[in-house]
Amino acid sequence: MPDSMRGVRLADWGLLVTRSAAFLLECLHRAGMRDVVAVEPAAGGLAALAGIAARRDAAPVFVKAFADAPDDDIFAAEAEGLAVLREPGGMATPEVITADRELLVLSVLRPRPRSETFWEQFAHELARLHLSTIGPRFGWHRDNWLGRRRQVNTWHDDGFAFFAEYRLLRWLTEPRVEAALDAGDRAALERLCHRLPELLPERPACLTHGDLWAQNIMSTPEGTPAVIDPAVSYMWAEVDLAHVWSTAPPPEAQRFFAAYAELTGLDDGWQARMPIIQLRQHLAVLAQFDDDWGAADHIRATLAPFRTPA
């Protein structure tokens, strides 16, 4: 049972699994994939229903759908993100088989191996993505999605202003965030945003995955690193680094951080910046889920130095 369903009775969980499989199967049949004979729900996702679909005369596929999709373009935006990470980004991603308003169908990846070599290879691939795609502006040509919430990507010349407005302050109007953070927390976030140019080094924009927590790093059938579930934009490279750093990477991932720092020339202070940059993801989690997995506590701890004017 995934963490998101803890506390649900076993009988209720079984009913949810059955309904999820039936719903995904119905979506696939409506999309013309009549050779799908069964769907095995997949654990791990937080926003959408997902599963592995067995087919009568073809290889299995991965399918994802929403019972109530937040917008018609959500899967088109995700498919585009996978495509741009693959080319020009040079990263492995699943093949997009179908992407329409109702569902996303992808080729099947494998769980990543427990290997330092795998993580070192991933460091090389992520460094190549970030170093080879440097651009003059922050944003993206369209909005896309982070979970069930729209990610605003309006182009901006100033990375600090872009990060403050579209990655931090934009979450303050979300109902769950309003309920969890008090006036002092919100004022502290505004002070932090005002001071971003002195808290973070100036960095160029580059293509970023945008939702690079450990669950979104997988393996191709050949054993090389692959990524899923992007929320791409041109942003600071450390947005991706902070996400890996802050989402309980396994012990074998330590080589990833050392290799990435060496390949990209990171200064010795990069670890101290991670809580500030990861505020964006903690706010997004707080906005979307009843169980915030400690996000509110992380937010308050990071904002503590900014609760009084400097």
C-alpha atoms as a PDB file:
ATOM      1  CA  MET A   1       0.000   0.000   0.000  1.00  0.00           C
ATOM      2  CA  PRO A   2       1.519   3.396  -0.937  1.00  0.00           C
ATOM      3  CA  ASP A   3       2.229   5.964   1.773  1.00  0.00           C
ATOM      4  CA  SER A   4      -0.564   8.187   0.458  1.00  0.00           C
ATOM      5  CA  MET A   5      -3.124   5.558   1.453  1.00  0.00           C
ATOM      6  CA  ARG A   6      -1.940   4.821   4.990  1.00  0.00           C
ATOM      7  CA  GLY A   7      -4.854   4.702   7.382  1.00  0.00           C
ATOM      8  CA  VAL A   8      -7.262   3.355   4.758  1.00  0.00           C
ATOM      9  CA  ARG A   9      -8.831   0.038   5.793  1.00  0.00           C
ATOM     10  CA  LEU A  10      -7.578  -2.967   3.856  1.00  0.00           C
ATOM     11  CA  ALA A  11     -11.050  -3.717   2.473  1.00  0.00           C
ATOM     12  CA  ASP A  12     -11.436  -0.115   1.306  1.00  0.00           C
ATOM     13  CA  TRP A  13      -7.983  -0.193  -0.272  1.00  0.00           C
ATOM     14  CA  GLY A  14      -8.879  -3.339  -2.197  1.00  0.00           C
ATOM     15  CA  LEU A  15     -12.041  -1.682  -3.500  1.00  0.00           C
ATOM     16  CA  LEU A  16     -10.071   1.390  -4.604  1.00  0.00           C
ATOM     17  CA  VAL A  17      -7.563  -0.800  -6.460  1.00  0.00           C
ATOM     18  CA  THR A  18     -10.361  -2.649  -8.246  1.00  0.00           C
ATOM     19  CA  ARG A  19     -12.092   0.576  -9.268  1.00  0.00           C
ATOM     20  CA  SER A  20      -8.812   2.118 -10.409  1.00  0.00           C
ATOM     21  CA  ALA A  21      -8.016  -0.864 -12.630  1.00  0.00           C
ATOM     22  CA  ALA A  22     -11.508  -0.851 -14.133  1.00  0.00           C
ATOM     23  CA  PHE A  23     -11.387   2.880 -14.817  1.00  0.00           C
ATOM     24  CA  LEU A  24      -7.983   2.683 -16.530  1.00  0.00           C
ATOM     25  CA  LEU A  25      -9.102  -0.277 -18.621  1.00  0.00           C
ATOM     26  CA  GLU A  26     -12.187   1.640 -19.739  1.00  0.00           C
ATOM     27  CA  CYS A  27     -10.057   4.667 -20.699  1.00  0.00           C
ATOM     28  CA  LEU A  28      -7.718   2.501 -22.766  1.00  0.00           C
ATOM     29  CA  HIS A  29     -10.585   0.845 -24.603  1.00  0.00           C
ATOM     30  CA  ARG A  30     -12.130   4.240 -25.378  1.00  0.00           C
ATOM     31  CA  ALA A  31      -8.752   5.313 -26.788  1.00  0.00           C
ATOM     32  CA  GLY A  32      -8.868   2.414 -29.244  1.00  0.00           C
ATOM     33  CA  MET A  33      -6.505   0.034 -27.419  1.00  0.00           C
ATOM     34  CA  ARG A  34      -8.970  -2.860 -27.484  1.00  0.00           C
ATOM     35  CA  ASP A  35      -6.208  -5.467 -27.090  1.00  0.00           C
ATOM     36  CA  VAL A  36      -5.654  -4.470 -23.440  1.00  0.00           C
ATOM     37  CA  VAL A  37      -6.950  -7.338 -21.319  1.00  0.00           C
ATOM     38  CA  ALA A  38      -6.098  -6.214 -17.780  1.00  0.00           C
ATOM     39  CA  VAL A  39      -4.533  -3.379 -15.801  1.00  0.00           C
ATOM     40  CA  GLU A  40      -2.446  -3.837 -12.673  1.00  0.00           C
ATOM     41  CA  PRO A  41      -2.539  -0.614 -10.637  1.00  0.00           C
ATOM     42  CA  ALA A  42       0.882   0.882  -9.914  1.00  0.00           C
ATOM     43  CA  ALA A  43       1.854   2.236  -6.509  1.00  0.00           C
ATOM     44  CA  GLY A  44       3.923   5.356  -5.938  1.00  0.00           C
ATOM     45  CA  GLY A  45       2.064   8.065  -7.836  1.00  0.00           C
ATOM     46  CA  LEU A  46       0.406  10.799  -5.806  1.00  0.00           C
ATOM     47  CA  ALA A  47      -1.726  12.829  -8.212  1.00  0.00           C
ATOM     48  CA  ALA A  48      -3.063  10.451 -10.863  1.00  0.00           C
ATOM     49  CA  LEU A  49      -4.285   6.874 -11.254  1.00  0.00           C
ATOM     50  CA  ALA A  50      -1.681   4.676 -12.924  1.00  0.00           C
ATOM     51  CA  GLY A  51      -1.038   1.083 -13.856  1.00  0.00           C
ATOM     52  CA  ILE A  52       0.622  -1.443 -16.141  1.00  0.00           C
ATOM     53  CA  ALA A  53      -1.692  -2.619 -18.926  1.00  0.00           C
ATOM     54  CA  ALA A  54      -1.310  -6.148 -20.267  1.00  0.00           C
ATOM     55  CA  ARG A  55      -2.052  -6.505 -23.971  1.00  0.00           C
ATOM     56  CA  ARG A  56      -3.125  -9.538 -25.967  1.00  0.00           C
ATOM     57  CA  ASP A  57      -0.712  -9.181 -28.886  1.00  0.00           C
ATOM     58  CA  ALA A  58       1.835  -6.563 -27.826  1.00  0.00           C
ATOM     59  CA  ALA A  59       4.171  -5.543 -25.045  1.00  0.00           C
ATOM     60  CA  PRO A  60       2.631  -4.113 -21.864  1.00  0.00           C
ATOM     61  CA  VAL A  61       2.340  -0.347 -21.493  1.00  0.00           C
ATOM     62  CA  PHE A  62       2.180   2.122 -18.642  1.00  0.00           C
ATOM     63  CA  VAL A  63      -1.048   4.133 -18.412  1.00  0.00           C
ATOM     64  CA  LYS A  64      -1.941   7.201 -16.366  1.00  0.00           C
ATOM     65  CA  ALA A  65      -5.273   9.003 -16.075  1.00  0.00           C
ATOM     66  CA  PHE A  66      -7.244  11.276 -13.776  1.00  0.00           C
ATOM     67  CA  ALA A  67     -10.732  10.468 -12.569  1.00  0.00           C
ATOM     68  CA  ASP A  68     -11.291  14.235 -12.834  1.00  0.00           C
ATOM     69  CA  ALA A  69      -8.510  15.778 -14.920  1.00  0.00           C
ATOM     70  CA  PRO A  70      -7.716  19.366 -13.853  1.00  0.00           C
ATOM     71  CA  ASP A  71      -7.421  20.481 -17.486  1.00  0.00           C
ATOM     72  CA  ASP A  72      -7.538  19.138 -21.035  1.00  0.00           C
ATOM     73  CA  ASP A  73      -3.861  19.904 -21.726  1.00  0.00           C
ATOM     74  CA  ILE A  74      -2.261  18.131 -18.757  1.00  0.00           C
ATOM     75  CA  PHE A  75      -1.051  15.045 -20.633  1.00  0.00           C
ATOM     76  CA  ALA A  76      -0.075  16.958 -23.774  1.00  0.00           C
ATOM     77  CA  ALA A  77       2.154  19.139 -21.604  1.00  0.00           C
ATOM     78  CA  GLU A  78       3.701  16.088 -19.937  1.00  0.00           C
ATOM     79  CA  ALA A  79       4.343  14.405 -23.290  1.00  0.00           C
ATOM     80  CA  GLU A  80       6.011  17.564 -24.557  1.00  0.00           C
ATOM     81  CA  GLY A  81       8.192  17.660 -21.447  1.00  0.00           C
ATOM     82  CA  LEU A  82       9.321  14.078 -22.006  1.00  0.00           C
ATOM     83  CA  ALA A  83      10.133  14.880 -25.631  1.00  0.00           C
ATOM     84  CA  VAL A  84      12.227  17.963 -24.865  1.00  0.00           C
ATOM     85  CA  LEU A  85      14.154  16.191 -22.107  1.00  0.00           C
ATOM     86  CA  ARG A  86      15.006  13.506 -24.646  1.00  0.00           C
ATOM     87  CA  GLU A  87      15.866  15.936 -27.452  1.00  0.00           C
ATOM     88  CA  PRO A  88      17.638  18.340 -27.051  1.00  0.00           C
ATOM     89  CA  GLY A  89      18.137  17.342 -23.403  1.00  0.00           C
ATOM     90  CA  GLY A  90      19.740  13.987 -24.148  1.00  0.00           C
ATOM     91  CA  MET A  91      18.033  12.123 -21.306  1.00  0.00           C
ATOM     92  CA  ALA A  92      16.274   8.779 -21.575  1.00  0.00           C
ATOM     93  CA  THR A  93      12.502   8.985 -21.191  1.00  0.00           C
ATOM     94  CA  PRO A  94       9.693   6.540 -21.916  1.00  0.00           C
ATOM     95  CA  GLU A  95       8.228   6.472 -25.410  1.00  0.00           C
ATOM     96  CA  VAL A  96       4.925   8.325 -25.652  1.00  0.00           C
ATOM     97  CA  ILE A  97       2.350   6.025 -27.259  1.00  0.00           C
ATOM     98  CA  THR A  98      -0.801   8.076 -26.624  1.00  0.00           C
ATOM     99  CA  ALA A  99      -1.330  11.472 -25.030  1.00  0.00           C
ATOM    100  CA  ASP A 100      -4.810  12.938 -25.158  1.00  0.00           C
ATOM    101  CA  ARG A 101      -7.155  14.811 -22.841  1.00  0.00           C
ATOM    102  CA  GLU A 102      -8.097  11.621 -20.988  1.00  0.00           C
ATOM    103  CA  LEU A 103      -4.966   9.529 -20.607  1.00  0.00           C
ATOM    104  CA  LEU A 104      -1.235   9.136 -21.145  1.00  0.00           C
ATOM    105  CA  VAL A 105       0.204   5.833 -22.404  1.00  0.00           C
ATOM    106  CA  LEU A 106       3.948   5.213 -22.235  1.00  0.00           C
ATOM    107  CA  SER A 107       6.421   2.408 -22.767  1.00  0.00           C
ATOM    108  CA  VAL A 108       7.288   0.560 -19.585  1.00  0.00           C
ATOM    109  CA  LEU A 109      10.415   1.431 -17.629  1.00  0.00           C
ATOM    110  CA  ARG A 110      12.014  -0.514 -14.818  1.00  0.00           C
ATOM    111  CA  PRO A 111      12.786   0.371 -11.194  1.00  0.00           C
ATOM    112  CA  ARG A 112      16.269   1.811 -10.878  1.00  0.00           C
ATOM    113  CA  PRO A 113      18.999  -0.563  -9.646  1.00  0.00           C
ATOM    114  CA  ARG A 114      20.625  -0.137  -6.238  1.00  0.00           C
ATOM    115  CA  SER A 115      23.949   0.814  -7.718  1.00  0.00           C
ATOM    116  CA  GLU A 116      26.453   3.638  -7.243  1.00  0.00           C
ATOM    117  CA  THR A 117      27.390   3.211 -10.909  1.00  0.00           C
ATOM    118  CA  PHE A 118      23.794   3.929 -11.931  1.00  0.00           C
ATOM    119  CA  TRP A 119      23.714   7.131  -9.869  1.00  0.00           C
ATOM    120  CA  GLU A 120      27.091   8.287 -11.184  1.00  0.00           C
ATOM    121  CA  GLN A 121      25.804   7.804 -14.737  1.00  0.00           C
ATOM    122  CA  PHE A 122      22.721   9.798 -13.820  1.00  0.00           C
ATOM    123  CA  ALA A 123      24.962  12.613 -12.539  1.00  0.00           C
ATOM    124  CA  HIS A 124      26.651  12.768 -15.943  1.00  0.00           C
ATOM    125  CA  GLU A 125      23.314  12.835 -17.771  1.00  0.00           C
ATOM    126  CA  LEU A 126      21.773  15.509 -15.548  1.00  0.00           C
ATOM    127  CA  ALA A 127      24.923  17.638 -15.770  1.00  0.00           C
ATOM    128  CA  ARG A 128      24.844  17.337 -19.560  1.00  0.00           C
ATOM    129  CA  LEU A 129      21.197  18.395 -19.627  1.00  0.00           C
ATOM    130  CA  HIS A 130      21.872  21.473 -17.518  1.00  0.00           C
ATOM    131  CA  LEU A 131      25.139  22.533 -19.173  1.00  0.00           C
ATOM    132  CA  SER A 132      24.011  22.008 -22.778  1.00  0.00           C
ATOM    133  CA  THR A 133      20.693  23.877 -22.620  1.00  0.00           C
ATOM    134  CA  ILE A 134      21.621  27.233 -21.086  1.00  0.00           C
ATOM    135  CA  GLY A 135      19.308  29.974 -22.321  1.00  0.00           C
ATOM    136  CA  PRO A 136      18.791  33.723 -21.868  1.00  0.00           C
ATOM    137  CA  ARG A 137      15.372  33.698 -20.141  1.00  0.00           C
ATOM    138  CA  PHE A 138      13.498  31.924 -17.383  1.00  0.00           C
ATOM    139  CA  GLY A 139      10.190  30.190 -18.063  1.00  0.00           C
ATOM    140  CA  TRP A 140       8.716  28.125 -20.874  1.00  0.00           C
ATOM    141  CA  HIS A 141       6.596  28.763 -23.949  1.00  0.00           C
ATOM    142  CA  ARG A 142       3.492  27.388 -22.188  1.00  0.00           C
ATOM    143  CA  ASP A 143       2.246  26.649 -18.719  1.00  0.00           C
ATOM    144  CA  ASN A 144       2.393  23.022 -17.637  1.00  0.00           C
ATOM    145  CA  TRP A 145       1.548  21.040 -14.521  1.00  0.00           C
ATOM    146  CA  LEU A 146       3.081  20.121 -11.187  1.00  0.00           C
ATOM    147  CA  GLY A 147       0.860  17.348  -9.907  1.00  0.00           C
ATOM    148  CA  ARG A 148      -2.695  18.703 -10.144  1.00  0.00           C
ATOM    149  CA  ARG A 149      -1.710  22.382 -10.077  1.00  0.00           C
ATOM    150  CA  ARG A 150      -0.822  24.559 -13.026  1.00  0.00           C
ATOM    151  CA  GLN A 151       2.813  25.657 -13.168  1.00  0.00           C
ATOM    152  CA  VAL A 152       2.990  29.215 -14.476  1.00  0.00           C
ATOM    153  CA  ASN A 153       5.923  29.675 -16.853  1.00  0.00           C
ATOM    154  CA  THR A 154       5.612  33.271 -18.102  1.00  0.00           C
ATOM    155  CA  TRP A 155       8.968  34.284 -19.611  1.00  0.00           C
ATOM    156  CA  HIS A 156      11.129  36.506 -17.411  1.00  0.00           C
ATOM    157  CA  ASP A 157      14.646  37.939 -17.716  1.00  0.00           C
ATOM    158  CA  ASP A 158      15.283  37.914 -13.954  1.00  0.00           C
ATOM    159  CA  GLY A 159      15.651  34.489 -12.320  1.00  0.00           C
ATOM    160  CA  PHE A 160      15.173  35.814  -8.796  1.00  0.00           C
ATOM    161  CA  ALA A 161      11.931  37.583  -9.711  1.00  0.00           C
ATOM    162  CA  PHE A 162      10.712  34.544 -11.663  1.00  0.00           C
ATOM    163  CA  PHE A 163      11.436  32.162  -8.786  1.00  0.00           C
ATOM    164  CA  ALA A 164       9.824  34.469  -6.236  1.00  0.00           C
ATOM    165  CA  GLU A 165       6.628  35.157  -8.198  1.00  0.00           C
ATOM    166  CA  TYR A 166       5.971  31.889 -10.043  1.00  0.00           C
ATOM    167  CA  ARG A 167       7.627  29.270  -7.835  1.00  0.00           C
ATOM    168  CA  LEU A 168       7.107  30.556  -4.271  1.00  0.00           C
ATOM    169  CA  LEU A 169       4.560  33.339  -3.748  1.00  0.00           C
ATOM    170  CA  ARG A 170       2.066  31.833  -6.209  1.00  0.00           C
ATOM    171  CA  TRP A 171       1.275  29.109  -3.641  1.00  0.00           C
ATOM    172  CA  LEU A 172       0.124  31.496  -0.922  1.00  0.00           C
ATOM    173  CA  THR A 173      -3.416  31.724  -2.323  1.00  0.00           C
ATOM    174  CA  GLU A 174      -3.932  27.937  -2.317  1.00  0.00           C
ATOM    175  CA  PRO A 175      -6.526  26.983   0.350  1.00  0.00           C
ATOM    176  CA  ARG A 176      -4.408  24.345   2.087  1.00  0.00           C
ATOM    177  CA  VAL A 177      -1.428  26.724   2.226  1.00  0.00           C
ATOM    178  CA  GLU A 178      -3.585  29.537   3.585  1.00  0.00           C
ATOM    179  CA  ALA A 179      -4.828  27.196   6.301  1.00  0.00           C
ATOM    180  CA  ALA A 180      -1.384  25.860   7.246  1.00  0.00           C
ATOM    181  CA  LEU A 181       0.717  29.039   7.256  1.00  0.00           C
ATOM    182  CA  ASP A 182      -0.002  31.959   9.556  1.00  0.00           C
ATOM    183  CA  ALA A 183       0.514  35.654   8.818  1.00  0.00           C
ATOM    184  CA  GLY A 184       4.033  35.509  10.234  1.00  0.00           C
ATOM    185  CA  ASP A 185       4.956  32.629   7.923  1.00  0.00           C
ATOM    186  CA  ARG A 186       3.607  34.448   4.875  1.00  0.00           C
ATOM    187  CA  ALA A 187       5.438  37.663   5.784  1.00  0.00           C
ATOM    188  CA  ALA A 188       8.632  35.658   6.280  1.00  0.00           C
ATOM    189  CA  LEU A 189       8.274  34.120   2.825  1.00  0.00           C
ATOM    190  CA  GLU A 190       7.854  37.574   1.311  1.00  0.00           C
ATOM    191  CA  ARG A 191      11.001  38.783   3.116  1.00  0.00           C
ATOM    192  CA  LEU A 192      12.923  35.747   1.879  1.00  0.00           C
ATOM    193  CA  CYS A 193      11.793  36.448  -1.687  1.00  0.00           C
ATOM    194  CA  HIS A 194      12.950  40.061  -1.386  1.00  0.00           C
ATOM    195  CA  ARG A 195      16.384  38.867  -0.256  1.00  0.00           C
ATOM    196  CA  LEU A 196      16.870  36.100  -2.830  1.00  0.00           C
ATOM    197  CA  PRO A 197      19.660  37.988  -4.689  1.00  0.00           C
ATOM    198  CA  GLU A 198      21.766  37.999  -1.517  1.00  0.00           C
ATOM    199  CA  LEU A 199      20.847  34.449  -0.460  1.00  0.00           C
ATOM    200  CA  LEU A 200      21.486  32.641  -3.752  1.00  0.00           C
ATOM    201  CA  PRO A 201      24.219  33.047  -6.371  1.00  0.00           C
ATOM    202  CA  GLU A 202      23.216  34.379  -9.757  1.00  0.00           C
ATOM    203  CA  ARG A 203      22.869  31.443 -12.126  1.00  0.00           C
ATOM    204  CA  PRO A 204      21.784  31.163 -15.773  1.00  0.00           C
ATOM    205  CA  ALA A 205      18.571  29.557 -16.921  1.00  0.00           C
ATOM    206  CA  CYS A 206      18.743  26.025 -18.313  1.00  0.00           C
ATOM    207  CA  LEU A 207      16.270  23.296 -19.141  1.00  0.00           C
ATOM    208  CA  THR A 208      15.157  21.592 -15.929  1.00  0.00           C
ATOM    209  CA  HIS A 209      13.049  18.509 -15.278  1.00  0.00           C
ATOM    210  CA  GLY A 210      11.161  20.434 -12.615  1.00  0.00           C
ATOM    211  CA  ASP A 211       9.805  17.534 -10.503  1.00  0.00           C
ATOM    212  CA  LEU A 212      12.908  15.430  -9.986  1.00  0.00           C
ATOM    213  CA  TRP A 213      12.168  13.592  -6.770  1.00  0.00           C
ATOM    214  CA  ALA A 214      13.672  10.148  -6.320  1.00  0.00           C
ATOM    215  CA  GLN A 215      10.492   8.312  -7.476  1.00  0.00           C
ATOM    216  CA  ASN A 216      10.784   9.980 -10.892  1.00  0.00           C
ATOM    217  CA  ILE A 217      14.227   8.510 -11.567  1.00  0.00           C
ATOM    218  CA  MET A 218      13.904   5.081 -13.131  1.00  0.00           C
ATOM    219  CA  SER A 219      15.779   2.764 -15.475  1.00  0.00           C
ATOM    220  CA  THR A 220      15.476   1.748 -19.104  1.00  0.00           C
ATOM    221  CA  PRO A 221      15.219  -1.990 -19.857  1.00  0.00           C
ATOM    222  CA  GLU A 222      18.959  -1.787 -20.621  1.00  0.00           C
ATOM    223  CA  GLY A 223      19.732  -0.441 -17.145  1.00  0.00           C
ATOM    224  CA  THR A 224      20.514   3.204 -17.917  1.00  0.00           C
ATOM    225  CA  PRO A 225      18.901   6.123 -16.038  1.00  0.00           C
ATOM    226  CA  ALA A 226      15.567   7.437 -17.291  1.00  0.00           C
ATOM    227  CA  VAL A 227      13.155  10.067 -15.984  1.00  0.00           C
ATOM    228  CA  ILE A 228       9.380  10.443 -15.867  1.00  0.00           C
ATOM    229  CA  ASP A 229       6.726  12.995 -14.799  1.00  0.00           C
ATOM    230  CA  PRO A 230       8.442  16.249 -15.817  1.00  0.00           C
ATOM    231  CA  ALA A 231       7.299  19.808 -15.177  1.00  0.00           C
ATOM    232  CA  VAL A 232       9.870  21.387 -17.465  1.00  0.00           C
ATOM    233  CA  SER A 233      10.951  24.997 -17.632  1.00  0.00           C
ATOM    234  CA  TYR A 234      14.091  27.048 -18.055  1.00  0.00           C
ATOM    235  CA  MET A 235      15.148  27.628 -14.471  1.00  0.00           C
ATOM    236  CA  TRP A 236      18.211  27.318 -12.228  1.00  0.00           C
ATOM    237  CA  ALA A 237      19.847  23.893 -12.451  1.00  0.00           C
ATOM    238  CA  GLU A 238      19.840  23.697  -8.655  1.00  0.00           C
ATOM    239  CA  VAL A 239      16.032  23.334  -8.694  1.00  0.00           C
ATOM    240  CA  ASP A 240      16.569  19.765  -9.912  1.00  0.00           C
ATOM    241  CA  LEU A 241      19.505  19.164  -7.593  1.00  0.00           C
ATOM    242  CA  ALA A 242      17.528  20.349  -4.554  1.00  0.00           C
ATOM    243  CA  HIS A 243      14.691  17.996  -5.374  1.00  0.00           C
ATOM    244  CA  VAL A 244      16.935  14.934  -5.466  1.00  0.00           C
ATOM    245  CA  TRP A 245      18.777  16.097  -2.337  1.00  0.00           C
ATOM    246  CA  SER A 246      15.615  16.684  -0.325  1.00  0.00           C
ATOM    247  CA  THR A 247      13.565  13.565  -1.125  1.00  0.00           C
ATOM    248  CA  ALA A 248      15.381  10.838   0.814  1.00  0.00           C
ATOM    249  CA  PRO A 249      17.768   9.572  -1.876  1.00  0.00           C
ATOM    250  CA  PRO A 250      19.142   6.090  -1.126  1.00  0.00           C
ATOM    251  CA  PRO A 251      22.661   5.643   0.290  1.00  0.00           C
ATOM    252  CA  GLU A 252      24.086   4.667  -3.094  1.00  0.00           C
ATOM    253  CA  ALA A 253      23.066   8.089  -4.443  1.00  0.00           C
ATOM    254  CA  GLN A 254      25.823   9.875  -2.512  1.00  0.00           C
ATOM    255  CA  ARG A 255      28.161   9.388  -5.464  1.00  0.00           C
ATOM    256  CA  PHE A 256      25.623  11.263  -7.607  1.00  0.00           C
ATOM    257  CA  PHE A 257      26.046  14.471  -5.606  1.00  0.00           C
ATOM    258  CA  ALA A 258      29.836  14.352  -5.618  1.00  0.00           C
ATOM    259  CA  ALA A 259      29.962  13.622  -9.344  1.00  0.00           C
ATOM    260  CA  TYR A 260      27.382  16.277 -10.242  1.00  0.00           C
ATOM    261  CA  ALA A 261      29.228  18.915  -8.186  1.00  0.00           C
ATOM    262  CA  GLU A 262      32.500  18.045  -9.884  1.00  0.00           C
ATOM    263  CA  LEU A 263      31.019  18.022 -13.389  1.00  0.00           C
ATOM    264  CA  THR A 264      29.227  21.365 -13.002  1.00  0.00           C
ATOM    265  CA  GLY A 265      31.775  23.202 -10.869  1.00  0.00           C
ATOM    266  CA  LEU A 266      29.490  23.690  -7.873  1.00  0.00           C
ATOM    267  CA  ASP A 267      30.901  25.734  -5.024  1.00  0.00           C
ATOM    268  CA  ASP A 268      31.268  24.267  -1.531  1.00  0.00           C
ATOM    269  CA  GLY A 269      28.181  26.081  -0.239  1.00  0.00           C
ATOM    270  CA  TRP A 270      25.621  24.394  -2.470  1.00  0.00           C
ATOM    271  CA  GLN A 271      24.173  22.177   0.266  1.00  0.00           C
ATOM    272  CA  ALA A 272      23.272  25.181   2.425  1.00  0.00           C
ATOM    273  CA  ARG A 273      21.121  26.555  -0.417  1.00  0.00           C
ATOM    274  CA  MET A 274      19.003  23.444  -0.845  1.00  0.00           C
ATOM    275  CA  PRO A 275      16.318  24.245   1.804  1.00  0.00           C
ATOM    276  CA  ILE A 276      15.599  27.653   0.245  1.00  0.00           C
ATOM    277  CA  ILE A 277      15.348  26.283  -3.289  1.00  0.00           C
ATOM    278  CA  GLN A 278      13.262  23.305  -2.150  1.00  0.00           C
ATOM    279  CA  LEU A 279      10.685  25.643  -0.591  1.00  0.00           C
ATOM    280  CA  ARG A 280       8.937  25.602  -3.942  1.00  0.00           C
ATOM    281  CA  GLN A 281       8.329  21.875  -3.777  1.00  0.00           C
ATOM    282  CA  HIS A 282       7.317  21.870  -0.120  1.00  0.00           C
ATOM    283  CA  LEU A 283       4.736  24.558  -0.876  1.00  0.00           C
ATOM    284  CA  ALA A 284       3.422  22.554  -3.834  1.00  0.00           C
ATOM    285  CA  VAL A 285       3.026  19.433  -1.682  1.00  0.00           C
ATOM    286  CA  LEU A 286       1.328  21.424   1.069  1.00  0.00           C
ATOM    287  CA  ALA A 287      -1.095  22.879  -1.488  1.00  0.00           C
ATOM    288  CA  GLN A 288      -2.173  19.523  -2.912  1.00  0.00           C
ATOM    289  CA  PHE A 289      -2.294  16.825  -0.261  1.00  0.00           C
ATOM    290  CA  ASP A 290      -3.993  16.389   3.087  1.00  0.00           C
ATOM    291  CA  ASP A 291      -0.927  14.506   4.333  1.00  0.00           C
ATOM    292  CA  ASP A 292       1.928  16.915   3.618  1.00  0.00           C
ATOM    293  CA  TRP A 293       4.720  14.486   4.681  1.00  0.00           C
ATOM    294  CA  GLY A 294       6.257  17.155   6.904  1.00  0.00           C
ATOM    295  CA  ALA A 295       6.259  19.898   4.260  1.00  0.00           C
ATOM    296  CA  ALA A 296       4.745  22.530   6.581  1.00  0.00           C
ATOM    297  CA  ASP A 297       7.424  21.850   9.185  1.00  0.00           C
ATOM    298  CA  HIS A 298      10.189  22.152   6.577  1.00  0.00           C
ATOM    299  CA  ILE A 299       8.700  25.424   5.350  1.00  0.00           C
ATOM    300  CA  ARG A 300       8.532  26.921   8.841  1.00  0.00           C
ATOM    301  CA  ALA A 301      12.090  25.824   9.662  1.00  0.00           C
ATOM    302  CA  THR A 302      13.449  27.436   6.491  1.00  0.00           C
ATOM    303  CA  LEU A 303      11.447  30.634   7.083  1.00  0.00           C
ATOM    304  CA  ALA A 304      12.424  30.951  10.770  1.00  0.00           C
ATOM    305  CA  PRO A 305      15.356  33.357  10.159  1.00  0.00           C
ATOM    306  CA  PHE A 306      13.035  35.651   8.167  1.00  0.00           C
ATOM    307  CA  ARG A 307      10.170  35.974  10.625  1.00  0.00           C
ATOM    308  CA  THR A 308      11.465  39.374  11.790  1.00  0.00           C
ATOM    309  CA  PRO A 309      12.670  42.173   9.505  1.00  0.00           C
ATOM    310  CA  ALA A 310      16.425  42.254   8.919  1.00  0.00           C
END
